[in-house]
Protein backbone atom coordinates (compact mmCIF):
# COMPACT_ATOMS: atom_id res chain seq x y z
CA MET A 1 25.37 49.10 -3.96
CA VAL A 2 22.50 48.30 -1.92
CA ARG A 3 19.45 50.17 -2.69
CA VAL A 4 17.43 51.35 0.17
CA ALA A 5 14.21 53.05 0.78
CA VAL A 6 13.81 55.71 3.62
CA LEU A 7 10.52 56.14 5.39
CA LEU A 8 9.98 59.22 7.29
CA ASP A 9 6.82 59.49 9.67
CA GLY A 10 6.56 62.93 9.42
CA GLY A 11 4.45 63.44 12.40
CA TYR A 12 6.96 61.49 14.79
CA LEU A 13 10.00 63.64 13.34
CA ARG A 14 8.06 66.71 14.36
CA ALA A 15 7.99 65.25 18.18
CA VAL A 16 11.59 64.40 18.15
CA LEU A 17 12.55 67.84 16.68
CA LYS A 18 10.46 69.40 19.48
CA GLN A 19 12.31 67.00 21.95
CA HIS A 20 15.71 68.86 20.71
CA GLY A 21 14.27 72.33 20.56
CA GLU A 22 12.90 72.58 16.93
CA PRO A 23 16.27 73.37 14.73
CA PRO A 24 15.71 74.49 11.45
CA PHE A 25 16.33 70.70 10.02
CA ASN A 26 17.83 69.34 6.55
CA TYR A 27 15.54 66.40 5.99
CA GLU A 28 18.01 65.65 2.77
CA THR A 29 20.87 65.05 4.72
CA PHE A 30 19.41 63.49 7.17
CA SER A 31 17.85 60.71 4.91
CA ASN A 32 21.37 59.97 3.63
CA ASP A 33 22.68 59.92 7.29
CA LEU A 34 20.68 56.97 8.05
CA LEU A 35 22.22 54.92 5.60
CA LYS A 36 25.92 53.10 5.52
CA GLU A 37 28.76 53.75 3.22
CA ASP A 38 27.45 50.48 1.02
CA GLU A 39 23.98 51.85 0.32
CA GLU A 40 22.51 54.08 -1.93
CA ARG A 41 18.85 55.64 -1.31
CA LEU A 42 16.36 55.09 -4.14
CA ARG A 43 14.27 57.83 -2.73
CA THR A 44 12.76 59.03 0.72
CA TYR A 45 8.85 59.11 1.15
CA TYR A 46 7.93 61.85 3.93
CA TYR A 47 4.28 60.91 5.42
CA THR A 48 2.24 63.58 6.59
CA CYS A 49 -0.94 65.76 6.26
CA MET A 50 -1.88 69.42 5.79
CA PRO A 51 -3.04 71.33 8.75
CA TYR A 52 -7.11 71.47 9.61
CA GLN A 53 -8.80 74.18 8.30
CA GLY A 54 -12.34 75.16 9.15
CA SER A 55 -15.02 76.57 7.05
CA PRO A 56 -14.40 79.27 6.59
CA PRO A 57 -10.90 79.20 7.97
CA THR A 58 -9.44 81.45 10.60
CA GLN A 59 -6.55 83.72 10.09
CA GLU A 60 -4.38 81.22 12.34
CA GLU A 61 -5.60 78.30 10.62
CA ARG A 62 -4.57 79.63 7.13
CA GLU A 63 -1.24 80.76 8.39
CA ARG A 64 -0.54 77.62 9.82
CA TYR A 65 -1.71 75.91 6.21
CA ARG A 66 0.52 78.41 4.43
CA ARG A 67 3.53 77.44 6.37
CA GLU A 68 3.01 73.56 5.90
CA ASP A 69 2.33 74.21 2.15
CA SER A 70 5.43 76.07 1.95
CA PHE A 71 7.22 73.41 4.03
CA ILE A 72 6.01 70.42 1.89
CA PHE A 73 7.21 72.46 -1.53
CA ASN A 74 10.57 72.68 -0.01
CA LEU A 75 10.44 68.91 0.70
CA LYS A 76 9.56 67.68 -2.72
CA ARG A 77 12.37 69.85 -4.29
CA CYS A 78 14.68 67.63 -2.34
CA THR A 79 16.85 65.13 -4.65
CA ARG A 80 14.82 61.78 -4.63
CA PHE A 81 11.93 62.81 -2.22
CA GLU A 82 8.28 61.94 -2.37
CA VAL A 83 5.75 63.46 -0.13
CA ARG A 84 2.32 61.33 0.89
CA LEU A 85 -0.27 62.96 2.13
CA GLY A 86 -3.10 61.78 4.25
CA ARG A 87 -5.79 63.96 5.89
CA LEU A 88 -6.50 65.57 9.13
CA VAL A 89 -9.99 65.27 10.48
CA LYS A 90 -11.54 66.73 13.58
CA ILE A 91 -13.40 64.02 15.46
CA GLY A 92 -14.79 65.51 18.61
CA GLY A 93 -12.48 68.11 19.76
CA GLU A 94 -9.65 66.46 18.65
CA PHE A 95 -7.64 66.28 14.99
CA VAL A 96 -6.62 62.92 13.72
CA GLN A 97 -4.45 62.12 11.30
CA LYS A 98 -6.48 59.56 8.52
CA ARG A 99 -4.22 57.65 5.77
CA VAL A 100 -0.77 58.66 6.74
CA ASP A 101 -0.12 55.14 8.31
CA ILE A 102 -1.76 53.61 5.63
CA LEU A 103 0.27 55.34 2.76
CA LEU A 104 3.53 54.26 4.67
CA ALA A 105 2.61 50.58 5.07
CA VAL A 106 1.50 50.23 1.64
CA ASP A 107 4.42 51.85 0.14
CA LEU A 108 6.72 49.63 2.35
CA SER A 109 4.80 46.51 1.20
CA ARG A 110 4.76 47.63 -2.42
CA LEU A 111 8.52 48.69 -2.51
CA SER A 112 9.56 45.30 -0.59
CA TRP A 113 7.77 42.51 -2.83
CA GLY A 114 8.23 44.58 -5.76
CA LYS A 115 12.10 43.99 -5.27
CA GLN A 116 12.95 47.62 -5.51
CA VAL A 117 14.76 47.90 -2.52
CA GLU A 118 17.10 45.38 -0.35
CA LYS A 119 16.76 47.19 2.50
CA VAL A 120 14.26 49.89 4.19
CA VAL A 121 15.02 52.50 6.62
CA ILE A 122 11.97 53.79 8.55
CA ALA A 123 11.74 56.70 11.25
CA THR A 124 8.90 56.04 13.38
CA GLY A 125 7.71 55.41 17.06
CA ASP A 126 4.43 54.07 15.75
CA SER A 127 3.65 50.06 16.63
CA ASP A 128 1.02 50.13 13.90
CA PHE A 129 3.77 49.43 11.38
CA VAL A 130 4.32 46.23 12.83
CA PRO A 131 2.53 44.10 10.52
CA ALA A 132 4.08 46.00 7.49
CA VAL A 133 7.57 45.39 8.67
CA GLN A 134 7.19 41.39 9.20
CA ALA A 135 5.54 41.44 5.53
CA ALA A 136 8.84 43.51 4.18
CA LYS A 137 11.00 41.09 5.87
CA GLU A 138 8.87 37.99 4.41
CA ALA A 139 10.01 39.61 1.13
CA GLY A 140 13.54 39.21 1.92
CA VAL A 141 14.03 42.88 2.45
CA ILE A 142 16.14 43.98 5.65
CA THR A 143 14.66 46.52 7.81
CA ARG A 144 15.95 49.23 10.08
CA LEU A 145 14.35 51.81 12.60
CA TRP A 146 15.72 54.85 13.92
CA TYR A 147 13.90 56.16 16.97
CA ASP A 148 14.24 58.71 19.69
CA PRO A 149 14.81 57.03 23.05
CA LEU A 150 13.93 60.37 24.41
CA LEU A 151 9.85 59.37 22.89
CA PRO A 152 8.15 56.49 23.84
CA VAL A 153 8.53 53.49 21.61
CA HIS A 154 6.27 50.25 21.80
CA ASN A 155 8.51 47.00 22.50
CA ASP A 156 6.79 45.17 19.34
CA LEU A 157 8.22 47.84 16.96
CA LEU A 158 11.59 47.32 18.86
CA GLU A 159 11.56 43.71 18.46
CA VAL A 160 10.11 43.48 15.03
CA PHE A 161 13.06 45.13 13.03
CA ASP A 162 16.14 43.70 11.96
CA GLU A 163 18.66 46.75 13.04
CA ARG A 164 17.79 49.79 15.64
CA TYR A 165 19.38 53.09 15.76
CA GLU A 166 18.92 55.77 18.02
CA ILE A 167 18.43 59.19 16.99
CA THR A 168 21.01 61.40 18.80
CA ASP A 169 21.51 64.89 19.63
CA GLU A 170 24.35 64.52 17.43
CA LEU A 171 22.53 63.37 14.32
CA ILE A 172 20.07 66.01 15.30
CA ARG A 173 22.75 68.77 15.55
CA LYS A 174 24.77 67.51 12.28
CA ASN A 175 21.59 68.24 10.42
CA THR A 176 20.95 71.55 11.47
CA ARG A 177 20.99 73.88 9.00
CA GLU A 178 21.13 77.87 9.49
CA PRO A 179 18.00 79.31 9.18
CA LYS A 180 17.63 82.12 6.19
CA SER A 181 18.25 85.88 6.91
CA PRO A 182 15.23 87.91 6.52
């Protein structure tokens, strides 16, 4: 069996799911569906950050934070899942993620050069990862990109990966779980 790490850009996947109607989604089965028959998932790493909260937080900010905290709690309970949290900061009038891309790039390099995996699967659309993907390839790791063609993807990102696959409506539907009854 070929050992594979799956790296999921949480912000990107949220945008993907929004394009597909924001279905209730099963990230664990999705991670497994990104693999081929002869591959074993070492671990899935999910990269995100908690929502912004002012000081003091508004009721809306508290509720958004509570929902995200519950989501993260459930992700951590998935088999072979790690959640990597960056920070969300407010710069001017905009919210900006900090450390999320670096966390993914560091894990990609560490797993590759540490010979912990033979392949990496990444779901993203961010060309900031091009240097880290190149470094993984130099370490002898096969790289696979999963992306949504409905969202913008930079050509540099498409060109750097060894393999490229589209996230389709069918793949999203296959990993939609039934919402829990109240």
